[in-house]
Amino acid sequence: LGEGSSRSDGRTKICARTHTHTHTNSEMENGRKQVINFGAGPSKLPLPVLLQAQKELLDYKGLGISVLEMSHRSSDFIKIVNAIENDLRELLNIPENYKVIFLQGGGTGQFSAVPLNLIGLKEERCADYVVTGSWSANAAKEAMKYGKVNIVHPKSDAYIKIPNPSSWNLNPKASYIYYCANETVHGVEFPFVPDVKGMVLVCDMSSCFLSKPVDVSKFGLIFAGAQKNIGCAGVTVIIIREDLLGFALKECPVVFDYTVQGNSNSLYNTPPTYSIYIMGLVLQWIKKCGGAQAMEQNSIAKSKLIYDVIDGSHGFYVCPLASICRSRMNIPFRIGNANGDCTLETEFLDKAAQRNMLSLKGHRSVGGIRVSLYNAVTVEEAQKLAEFMINFMKEHLV
């Protein structure tokens, strides 16, 4: 078996050599370095989830195999899928006339899948899009391949606010109206669900899914990548009203056909089995923590800690967003002035890293700093960042 290995239980055990570490006990937690991960996605997972996955990695519930090795058509994996769907339905109170589907391809895959499945609802093959940031802009661009796209408001010079819904020019012949509930790059979050007067409403909730309660019945379709609030990369959740199934364009790839996948219990082809399993563990953790309502209260508290520092900094920290649509999930800001002082921002990131605060660099398209406060980030961790921000500011305003 080679050095450091044994086979005492029918499974190979690999024993790593002992290395000398310099981390103090206070820096270690459950055998790993203590850090605060403010990454925008993939993002922090709850520690209990990681420990449960670690415990079950070699032997899932006494089966003698890992979920990584499990057939997606086995009764054991079907139990996992069914339990996850039931947990999602409970957490979001999903009505019975909605299908829950688990797909691959991420949110970007859904930029294609949505029009491929829904733009043919009406013979005009057109759709309305609200564009409030990079991701909704990308979705609108992709939809143009499959039909006519109407941007319902004038183009914005900068993504810092939500155009007033009273000014939206909705096309009554549109098959659906699409928006992104939270834009991770620019930090614009809808504080309301648009009233679209009975039109089919489609929402990308990838970065705010299960961070707060939502009335699913107001939507024709919701989709969300798991890798921010409910799991790891690899699986995307689709919640679709059943009367919207059966309208896929003939050019729609079968793996993106909601009808086919829904009728197959998301098992038409091999799904991302381990990502689905991890999502299930996260959903159980959310339930134990008090559900979407508890996630919302934590989210309000965490984001307030950071925004209070920004607003009280007298311009040292600058967040350009209109206060009404500031994201609770992703907080972008500049340091020194509205355009950012490169030296200060580099120093901020370096000193944060020295304090084991990771992934605070802004998106490459906008620069600056970005704090992502997804469900697994605790209020205490947000407090530590707020304290660091205050101390950093004091050092440079003396």
Foldseek 3Di string as FASTA:
>chain_A
DDPQWDCDPVDIDHHDDDDDDPDDPVQDDPHDGDFFWQAQWLTDDAPVLVVVCVVPQQPNPNPRHGLVPDDCPDPVLVVLLVLLVVLVCVQQVFDPQKFKAKAFDFPLVVLQLVLLQFLQQFVQSEAEEADQDDSSVSSQVNSVVGHHYHDQADDDPHRFEGPDPVSGRDDPRGREYEYEQADQQQQFHDPDDDDPPPHAYEYEDAACPLLAHDNCVVHQKYKYACSHAQFHGTIMIMMHRNVSADRGDPPDPPSSRCVNCRVVSNVPDDGPRVRSSSSSSRSVVCVVCPHSHSSNVQLVLLQCLQVVLQVPLVAQKDRRHDPNGGHSFKGFIAGPHRLHDVVLQVVLQVVSVVVNHDNQFHDPVRTGGMGGDYSSRGSVNSNVVSVSSVVSSVVPPD
